[in-house]
């Protein structure tokens, strides 16, 4: 379960569809190269990634179950897919068989949901608009939510595979811990922290009523931004991918509003927004080359990975040490560099960056070899459209 950067806060942890020609599922370079695996087994894994890109999760899961018998290294992908598809009974069976640890994050979630109600999202209207609570230093998509009569601030973060709240929220609302065991969370700084699970009270997010949503509990100091003892940016939690993926969402950073619609039923799933195990990914094309980007609306700045660079480029750039702040790893030091210019082509516009940060030892994508991450700077004063049901992501000009 991976959680990504919120600018200073490295958290824990779509629109015009592209054509079949633009999104080529025959690209093998996105699947990880596993150790002690035959060419035939690697080819099978590559096929599974093609199924994922095409949105055929049922076939991908079936093939992963078969491949696991020969290649146990694919267990993380298999469990991540079962979790995304809410196949908790299968996860519990894997725990009973000793294949998955009972302390695994997905196992804890499966066990918790077995003893209580399943999370529900209900559209009370077809669409609605809510304001974004912007801050001149942190232009993240922050919204105000009301829980049990109290107002709290949450960031809409596609990079979080689960929603989360701080311990202060739990204390104020007197929420009971829902899980018997803590969840282990991999963070953006490569450290692991443990967190409890709670069920959030019913809340309204635009036209959507959210009930019994699970959230991880983190220490409030991990999200606070303090200067001279003052917490200058209120952040009480994160609305993660499990909720965002159910929305037709436009983040208008010009008007500072979020437009939320009920997604239309789509028959055709091939587009430029895909899901690869625990990451929402955007596919772009530059000079006839497909690129894979982790979509992270909880990150202020876009970055590239070492996979974006050629071996010659990697050797020629100047590396420096930079300190990162993040959940479970504040003060972590990494080797970074600047590289550019870089252009990223979206269906409606092309965004140009003079330089983007490269993090040598950090991988934004858990189970795929991606070229980088897309932060909210890709839509500075523009409109970001996310619709996973239509497999669609776009950056559009303001109205």
Protein backbone atom coordinates (compact mmCIF):
# COMPACT_ATOMS: atom_id res chain seq x y z
CA UNK A 1 0.00 0.00 0.00
CA UNK A 2 1.91 3.05 -1.22
CA UNK A 3 1.41 6.69 -0.22
CA UNK A 4 2.90 9.61 -2.05
CA UNK A 5 4.17 13.13 -1.70
CA UNK A 6 2.12 16.14 -0.70
CA UNK A 7 4.90 18.67 -1.49
CA UNK A 8 6.44 19.38 1.92
CA UNK A 9 4.36 16.47 3.16
CA UNK A 10 5.45 13.29 1.43
CA UNK A 11 2.28 11.38 2.31
CA UNK A 12 2.53 7.66 3.31
CA UNK A 13 1.31 6.82 2.09
CA UNK A 14 -9.36 11.38 -16.41
CA UNK A 15 -11.50 14.06 -20.55
CA UNK A 16 -10.73 12.64 -23.89
CA UNK A 17 -9.79 8.97 -24.32
CA UNK A 18 -6.79 8.09 -26.47
CA UNK A 19 -7.17 5.68 -29.34
CA UNK A 20 -5.98 2.07 -29.48
CA UNK A 21 -3.02 3.23 -31.57
CA UNK A 22 -1.96 5.81 -28.99
CA UNK A 23 -2.08 3.38 -26.10
CA UNK A 24 -0.05 0.39 -27.23
CA UNK A 25 -0.54 -2.49 -24.78
CA UNK A 26 2.35 -4.38 -26.39
CA UNK A 27 4.93 -2.40 -24.44
CA UNK A 28 6.86 -4.85 -22.32
CA UNK A 29 9.08 -2.34 -20.53
CA UNK A 30 6.45 -1.37 -17.97
CA UNK A 31 6.33 -4.75 -16.25
CA UNK A 32 9.07 -5.31 -13.66
CA UNK A 33 11.89 -7.70 -14.49
CA UNK A 34 11.73 -10.27 -11.71
CA UNK A 35 14.66 -12.38 -10.57
CA UNK A 36 14.80 -16.14 -11.22
CA UNK A 37 12.09 -15.99 -13.87
CA UNK A 38 12.09 -17.66 -17.28
CA UNK A 39 11.47 -15.83 -20.55
CA UNK A 40 8.13 -17.62 -20.88
CA UNK A 41 7.08 -16.59 -17.37
CA UNK A 42 8.16 -12.99 -18.03
CA UNK A 43 6.11 -13.03 -21.24
CA UNK A 44 3.10 -14.19 -19.22
CA UNK A 45 3.66 -11.34 -16.76
CA UNK A 46 3.89 -8.89 -19.67
CA UNK A 47 0.56 -10.23 -20.96
CA UNK A 48 -0.99 -9.67 -17.52
CA UNK A 49 0.10 -6.02 -17.68
CA UNK A 50 -1.54 -5.77 -21.11
CA UNK A 51 -4.78 -7.10 -19.63
CA UNK A 52 -4.53 -4.50 -16.86
CA UNK A 53 -3.98 -1.68 -19.35
CA UNK A 54 -7.01 -2.90 -21.31
CA UNK A 55 -9.08 -2.88 -18.11
CA UNK A 56 -9.57 -6.66 -18.13
CA UNK A 57 -8.94 -7.14 -14.41
CA UNK A 58 -10.79 -10.46 -14.17
CA UNK A 59 -8.52 -12.10 -16.75
CA UNK A 60 -5.44 -10.50 -15.17
CA UNK A 61 -6.38 -11.88 -11.75
CA UNK A 62 -7.00 -15.35 -13.14
CA UNK A 63 -3.62 -15.40 -14.88
CA UNK A 64 -1.84 -14.03 -11.80
CA UNK A 65 -3.29 -16.83 -9.70
CA UNK A 66 -1.86 -19.36 -12.17
CA UNK A 67 1.50 -17.58 -12.47
CA UNK A 68 1.90 -17.40 -8.69
CA UNK A 69 2.22 -21.20 -8.54
CA UNK A 70 5.39 -20.90 -10.64
CA UNK A 71 6.55 -17.40 -9.67
CA UNK A 72 5.79 -16.56 -6.01
CA UNK A 73 7.33 -13.09 -6.55
CA UNK A 74 4.06 -11.92 -8.14
CA UNK A 75 2.17 -12.27 -4.85
CA UNK A 76 2.22 -8.47 -4.16
CA UNK A 77 0.59 -7.77 -7.54
CA UNK A 78 -1.98 -10.52 -7.01
CA UNK A 79 -2.97 -9.30 -3.56
CA UNK A 80 -3.07 -5.66 -4.72
CA UNK A 81 -5.43 -6.61 -7.56
CA UNK A 82 -7.67 -8.65 -5.24
CA UNK A 83 -7.86 -5.65 -2.91
CA UNK A 84 -8.71 -3.23 -5.74
CA UNK A 85 -11.44 -5.60 -6.95
CA UNK A 86 -12.74 -5.97 -3.38
CA UNK A 87 -12.32 -9.74 -3.49
CA UNK A 88 -11.81 -9.90 0.25
CA UNK A 89 -13.01 -13.50 0.58
CA UNK A 90 -10.12 -14.62 -1.64
CA UNK A 91 -7.69 -12.62 0.49
CA UNK A 92 -9.02 -14.21 3.66
CA UNK A 93 -8.60 -17.63 2.03
CA UNK A 94 -4.97 -16.81 1.20
CA UNK A 95 -4.45 -15.89 4.86
CA UNK A 96 -6.01 -19.18 5.99
CA UNK A 97 -3.69 -21.05 3.61
CA UNK A 98 -0.65 -19.27 5.05
CA UNK A 99 0.15 -17.55 1.74
CA UNK A 100 -0.58 -14.03 2.99
CA UNK A 101 0.32 -12.85 6.49
CA UNK A 102 -2.59 -11.86 8.72
CA UNK A 103 -0.71 -8.59 9.37
CA UNK A 104 -0.52 -7.71 5.66
CA UNK A 105 -2.36 -4.44 5.02
CA UNK A 106 -4.83 -6.07 2.61
CA UNK A 107 -5.45 -8.91 5.06
CA UNK A 108 -6.20 -6.46 7.87
CA UNK A 109 -8.62 -4.55 5.64
CA UNK A 110 -10.29 -7.80 4.52
CA UNK A 111 -10.66 -8.95 8.12
CA UNK A 112 -12.05 -5.57 9.20
CA UNK A 113 -14.65 -5.52 6.43
CA UNK A 114 -15.66 -9.08 7.28
CA UNK A 115 -16.75 -7.90 10.73
CA UNK A 116 -18.66 -4.79 9.67
CA UNK A 117 -20.44 -2.94 6.85
CA UNK A 118 -18.84 -2.45 3.46
CA UNK A 119 -18.02 1.11 2.37
CA UNK A 120 -20.77 2.67 0.23
CA UNK A 121 -20.84 5.62 -2.19
CA UNK A 122 -24.24 6.93 -3.30
CA UNK A 123 -24.81 9.74 -5.81
CA UNK A 124 -27.72 11.82 -4.49
CA UNK A 125 -27.39 14.14 -7.51
CA UNK A 126 -25.89 13.65 -10.95
CA UNK A 127 -23.39 16.44 -10.37
CA UNK A 128 -22.36 19.24 -8.03
CA UNK A 129 -19.58 21.76 -7.56
CA UNK A 130 -17.65 22.36 -4.34
CA UNK A 131 -14.98 24.96 -3.56
CA UNK A 132 -11.31 24.13 -3.26
CA UNK A 133 -9.70 25.50 -0.12
CA UNK A 134 -6.56 26.85 -1.73
CA UNK A 135 -3.44 28.18 -0.03
CA UNK A 136 -0.92 30.44 -1.73
CA UNK A 137 1.96 28.17 -0.71
CA UNK A 138 0.26 24.80 -1.19
CA UNK A 139 -1.99 24.67 -4.29
CA UNK A 140 -3.28 21.18 -3.60
CA UNK A 141 -6.95 20.17 -4.14
CA UNK A 142 -8.05 20.62 -0.54
CA UNK A 143 -11.74 20.48 0.35
CA UNK A 144 -13.74 21.09 3.51
CA UNK A 145 -15.78 18.14 4.73
CA UNK A 146 -18.27 18.01 7.57
CA UNK A 147 -18.16 14.98 9.84
CA UNK A 148 -20.54 14.71 12.79
CA UNK A 149 -21.06 18.47 12.82
CA UNK A 150 -17.37 19.41 12.64
CA UNK A 151 -15.49 20.84 9.66
CA UNK A 152 -12.24 19.21 8.56
CA UNK A 153 -9.84 19.74 5.67
CA UNK A 154 -8.97 16.88 3.32
CA UNK A 155 -6.81 16.72 0.19
CA UNK A 156 -8.15 14.77 -2.80
CA UNK A 157 -5.14 12.53 -3.40
CA UNK A 158 -5.05 9.99 -6.24
CA UNK A 159 -1.66 8.89 -4.93
CA UNK A 160 -3.07 7.49 -1.70
CA UNK A 161 -4.31 3.92 -1.99
CA UNK A 162 -6.39 4.44 1.15
CA UNK A 163 -7.99 7.47 2.78
CA UNK A 164 -6.56 8.65 6.07
CA UNK A 165 -7.27 10.91 9.03
CA UNK A 166 -5.17 12.22 11.89
CA UNK A 167 -5.40 11.05 15.46
CA UNK A 168 -6.85 14.47 16.36
CA UNK A 169 -9.87 13.79 14.15
CA UNK A 170 -10.34 10.37 15.72
CA UNK A 171 -10.19 11.87 19.20
CA UNK A 172 -12.55 14.75 18.42
CA UNK A 173 -15.14 12.48 16.81
CA UNK A 174 -14.60 9.73 19.39
CA UNK A 175 -14.19 7.12 16.68
CA UNK A 176 -13.60 3.49 17.59
CA UNK A 177 -10.67 1.60 16.13
CA UNK A 178 -12.18 -0.79 13.58
CA UNK A 179 -9.24 -3.15 13.10
CA UNK A 180 -7.89 -5.74 15.51
CA UNK A 181 -4.41 -5.31 14.03
CA UNK A 182 -2.52 -2.35 12.66
CA UNK A 183 -1.84 -1.85 8.99
CA UNK A 184 1.76 -1.64 7.82
CA UNK A 185 2.22 1.22 5.38
CA UNK A 186 5.05 1.74 2.91
CA UNK A 187 5.82 5.46 2.73
CA UNK A 188 7.26 7.77 0.12
CA UNK A 189 10.55 7.77 2.04
CA UNK A 190 10.86 3.96 1.88
CA UNK A 191 10.17 3.54 5.59
CA UNK A 192 7.34 1.51 7.06
CA UNK A 193 4.92 2.83 9.67
CA UNK A 194 1.94 1.22 11.35
CA UNK A 195 -1.56 2.66 11.51
CA UNK A 196 -4.96 1.76 12.91
CA UNK A 197 -8.12 1.61 10.81
CA UNK A 198 -11.32 3.52 11.57
CA UNK A 199 -14.72 3.81 9.89
CA UNK A 200 -15.49 7.42 9.07
CA UNK A 201 -18.89 8.91 9.85
CA UNK A 202 -21.14 9.54 6.85
CA UNK A 203 -20.03 12.62 4.92
CA UNK A 204 -21.01 14.50 1.78
CA UNK A 205 -18.53 15.09 -1.04
CA UNK A 206 -20.41 17.22 -3.54
CA UNK A 207 -23.21 15.02 -4.95
CA UNK A 208 -21.85 11.91 -3.23
CA UNK A 209 -22.82 10.51 0.14
CA UNK A 210 -19.98 8.40 1.54
CA UNK A 211 -20.80 5.85 4.21
CA UNK A 212 -18.62 3.55 6.32
CA UNK A 213 -15.45 4.55 4.51
CA UNK A 214 -12.27 3.07 5.98
CA UNK A 215 -9.41 5.40 6.82
CA UNK A 216 -5.94 4.92 8.24
CA UNK A 217 -5.05 6.87 11.37
CA UNK A 218 -1.77 8.82 11.36
CA UNK A 219 -0.17 11.10 13.91
CA UNK A 220 -1.26 14.71 13.33
CA UNK A 221 2.36 15.90 13.40
CA UNK A 222 2.98 14.00 10.16
CA UNK A 223 0.58 16.30 8.28
CA UNK A 224 1.15 19.55 10.11
CA UNK A 225 3.23 22.31 8.55
CA UNK A 226 4.67 24.43 11.31
CA UNK A 227 6.62 27.68 11.35
CA UNK A 228 7.55 29.32 14.64
CA UNK A 229 5.23 26.89 16.38
CA UNK A 230 2.24 27.78 14.20
CA UNK A 231 0.52 25.16 12.05
CA UNK A 232 0.06 27.29 8.94
CA UNK A 233 -1.63 24.68 6.70
CA UNK A 234 -4.56 22.79 8.17
CA UNK A 235 -4.78 19.26 6.89
CA UNK A 236 -6.88 16.73 8.78
CA UNK A 237 -6.79 13.85 6.31
CA UNK A 238 -6.79 12.58 2.77
CA UNK A 239 -9.52 11.30 0.46
CA UNK A 240 -7.75 8.52 -1.44
CA UNK A 241 -8.09 6.54 -4.65
CA UNK A 242 -10.87 4.17 -3.48
CA UNK A 243 -13.25 7.15 -3.48
CA UNK A 244 -11.77 9.26 -6.28
CA UNK A 245 -11.88 6.39 -8.78
CA UNK A 246 -15.69 6.33 -8.46
CA UNK A 247 -16.01 9.98 -9.58
CA UNK A 248 -15.99 11.93 -12.82
CA UNK A 249 -13.81 14.66 -11.33
CA UNK A 250 -12.60 17.97 -12.72
CA UNK A 251 -10.21 20.02 -10.59
CA UNK A 252 -10.45 23.61 -11.82
CA UNK A 253 -7.35 25.33 -10.45
CA UNK A 254 -8.32 28.61 -12.14
CA UNK A 255 -11.74 28.97 -10.49
CA UNK A 256 -10.66 26.94 -7.44
CA UNK A 257 -13.56 24.52 -7.63
CA UNK A 258 -14.01 20.77 -7.92
CA UNK A 259 -16.70 19.59 -10.35
CA UNK A 260 -17.95 16.14 -9.41
CA UNK A 261 -20.25 14.11 -11.69
CA UNK A 262 -21.66 10.62 -11.69
CA UNK A 263 -19.62 8.72 -14.30
CA UNK A 264 -21.50 7.47 -17.35
CA UNK A 265 -21.39 3.74 -18.03
CA UNK A 266 -18.57 3.06 -20.48
CA UNK A 267 -18.33 0.02 -22.73
CA UNK A 268 -14.91 0.92 -24.13
CA UNK A 269 -12.21 0.92 -21.47
CA UNK A 270 -9.10 1.53 -23.59
CA UNK A 271 -7.86 5.02 -22.80
CA UNK A 272 -4.96 6.92 -21.32
CA UNK A 273 -5.84 6.37 -17.63
CA UNK A 274 -5.11 2.89 -16.35
CA UNK A 275 -4.64 1.16 -13.01
CA UNK A 276 -1.55 -1.01 -12.46
CA UNK A 277 -1.93 -2.81 -9.15
CA UNK A 278 -1.86 0.00 -6.59
CA UNK A 279 -1.22 3.01 -8.80
CA UNK A 280 -3.42 5.05 -11.17
CA UNK A 281 -1.26 5.68 -14.24
CA UNK A 282 -1.49 8.06 -17.20
CA UNK A 283 -0.13 7.05 -20.60
CA UNK A 284 1.29 9.78 -22.82
CA UNK A 285 3.18 9.74 -26.10
CA UNK A 286 6.27 11.70 -27.13
CA UNK A 287 8.15 11.15 -30.40
CA UNK A 288 6.25 7.89 -31.00
CA UNK A 289 7.31 6.60 -27.59
CA UNK A 290 4.73 5.72 -24.97
CA UNK A 291 5.42 6.95 -21.45
CA UNK A 292 3.87 5.88 -18.16
CA UNK A 293 3.20 8.39 -15.38
CA UNK A 294 1.96 7.87 -11.84
CA UNK A 295 -0.98 10.22 -11.21
CA UNK A 296 -0.54 11.97 -7.86
CA UNK A 297 -2.84 14.91 -7.07
CA UNK A 298 -1.30 14.95 -3.59
CA UNK A 299 2.02 16.13 -5.04
CA UNK A 300 2.76 19.75 -5.84
CA UNK A 301 5.50 19.04 -8.32
CA UNK A 302 5.90 16.50 -11.08
CA UNK A 303 9.05 14.40 -11.13
CA UNK A 304 10.77 11.88 -13.37
CA UNK A 305 12.34 8.55 -12.46
CA UNK A 306 15.64 7.07 -13.54
CA UNK A 307 13.69 4.97 -16.07
CA UNK A 308 12.92 8.18 -18.00
CA UNK A 309 16.63 8.77 -18.60
CA UNK A 310 18.98 7.00 -20.97
CA UNK A 311 22.14 5.53 -19.46
CA UNK A 312 24.14 8.40 -20.97
CA UNK A 313 21.80 11.03 -19.52
CA UNK A 314 21.92 9.36 -16.12
CA UNK A 315 25.71 9.53 -16.07
CA UNK A 316 25.95 13.11 -17.35
CA UNK A 317 23.67 14.96 -14.94
CA UNK A 318 24.86 16.45 -11.65
CA UNK A 319 23.51 14.73 -8.56
CA UNK A 320 23.00 16.46 -5.22
CA UNK A 321 21.66 15.45 -1.84
CA UNK A 322 18.24 16.77 -0.86
CA UNK A 323 16.30 16.35 2.35
CA UNK A 324 12.70 15.18 2.11
CA UNK A 325 9.98 15.34 4.73
CA UNK A 326 7.51 12.51 4.79
CA UNK A 327 5.32 10.27 6.84
CA UNK A 328 7.54 7.97 8.86
CA UNK A 329 10.68 9.52 7.43
CA UNK A 330 10.99 13.25 8.04
CA UNK A 331 14.50 14.40 7.26
CA UNK A 332 15.30 11.54 4.86
CA UNK A 333 18.15 12.42 2.49
CA UNK A 334 18.11 11.30 -1.15
CA UNK A 335 20.26 11.80 -4.24
CA UNK A 336 18.47 14.08 -6.71
CA UNK A 337 19.13 16.06 -9.87
CA UNK A 338 17.38 18.41 -12.29
CA UNK A 339 16.75 17.40 -15.91
CA UNK A 340 15.08 19.15 -18.81
CA UNK A 341 13.49 20.52 -20.85
CA UNK A 342 10.61 18.04 -20.76
CA UNK A 343 7.31 18.13 -22.66
CA UNK A 344 4.32 15.98 -21.72
CA UNK A 345 1.53 15.56 -24.28
CA UNK A 346 -2.03 15.33 -22.99
CA UNK A 347 -5.06 14.94 -25.27
CA UNK A 348 -5.94 18.66 -25.20
CA UNK A 349 -2.64 20.42 -24.53
CA UNK A 350 1.10 19.89 -24.15
CA UNK A 351 2.77 20.99 -20.95
CA UNK A 352 6.39 22.15 -21.06
CA UNK A 353 8.76 22.05 -18.10
CA UNK A 354 12.19 23.67 -18.12
CA UNK A 355 13.43 21.08 -15.64
CA UNK A 356 11.99 18.38 -13.41
CA UNK A 357 13.50 16.68 -10.38
CA UNK A 358 14.95 13.19 -10.74
CA UNK A 359 15.14 11.04 -7.60
CA UNK A 360 17.83 8.42 -8.14
CA UNK A 361 16.94 6.00 -5.37
CA UNK A 362 13.19 6.55 -5.21
CA UNK A 363 10.58 4.70 -7.26
CA UNK A 364 7.18 6.37 -7.50
CA UNK A 365 5.54 3.25 -8.87
CA UNK A 366 5.27 0.14 -6.73
CA UNK A 367 4.72 -2.56 -9.33
CA UNK A 368 5.64 -1.01 -12.67
CA UNK A 369 8.52 0.79 -14.30
CA UNK A 370 7.11 4.27 -14.81
CA UNK A 371 8.71 7.39 -16.23
CA UNK A 372 7.65 9.67 -13.39
CA UNK A 373 4.74 11.18 -11.56
CA UNK A 374 2.26 13.89 -12.51
CA UNK A 375 1.63 16.45 -9.79
CA UNK A 376 -0.80 19.35 -9.71
CA UNK A 377 1.76 21.61 -11.42
CA UNK A 378 0.66 19.98 -14.69
CA UNK A 379 -2.62 21.89 -14.31
CA UNK A 380 -1.42 25.23 -12.92
CA UNK A 381 -4.34 27.65 -13.50
CA UNK A 382 -5.92 25.00 -15.75
CA UNK A 383 -8.47 22.17 -15.46
CA UNK A 384 -7.49 18.59 -14.61
CA UNK A 385 -10.06 15.97 -15.63
CA UNK A 386 -10.01 12.48 -14.06
CA UNK A 387 -12.53 9.79 -15.02
CA UNK A 388 -11.39 6.25 -14.33
CA UNK A 389 -14.70 4.78 -15.55
CA UNK A 390 -13.94 6.21 -18.99
CA UNK A 391 -10.20 5.47 -18.67
CA UNK A 392 -9.69 9.18 -19.34
CA UNK A 393 -7.28 11.83 -18.10
CA UNK A 394 -6.72 15.28 -19.54
CA UNK A 395 -5.39 18.76 -18.83
CA UNK A 396 -7.66 21.38 -20.39
CA UNK A 397 -7.69 25.12 -20.86
CA UNK A 398 -9.84 27.13 -18.48
CA UNK A 399 -13.33 28.07 -19.63
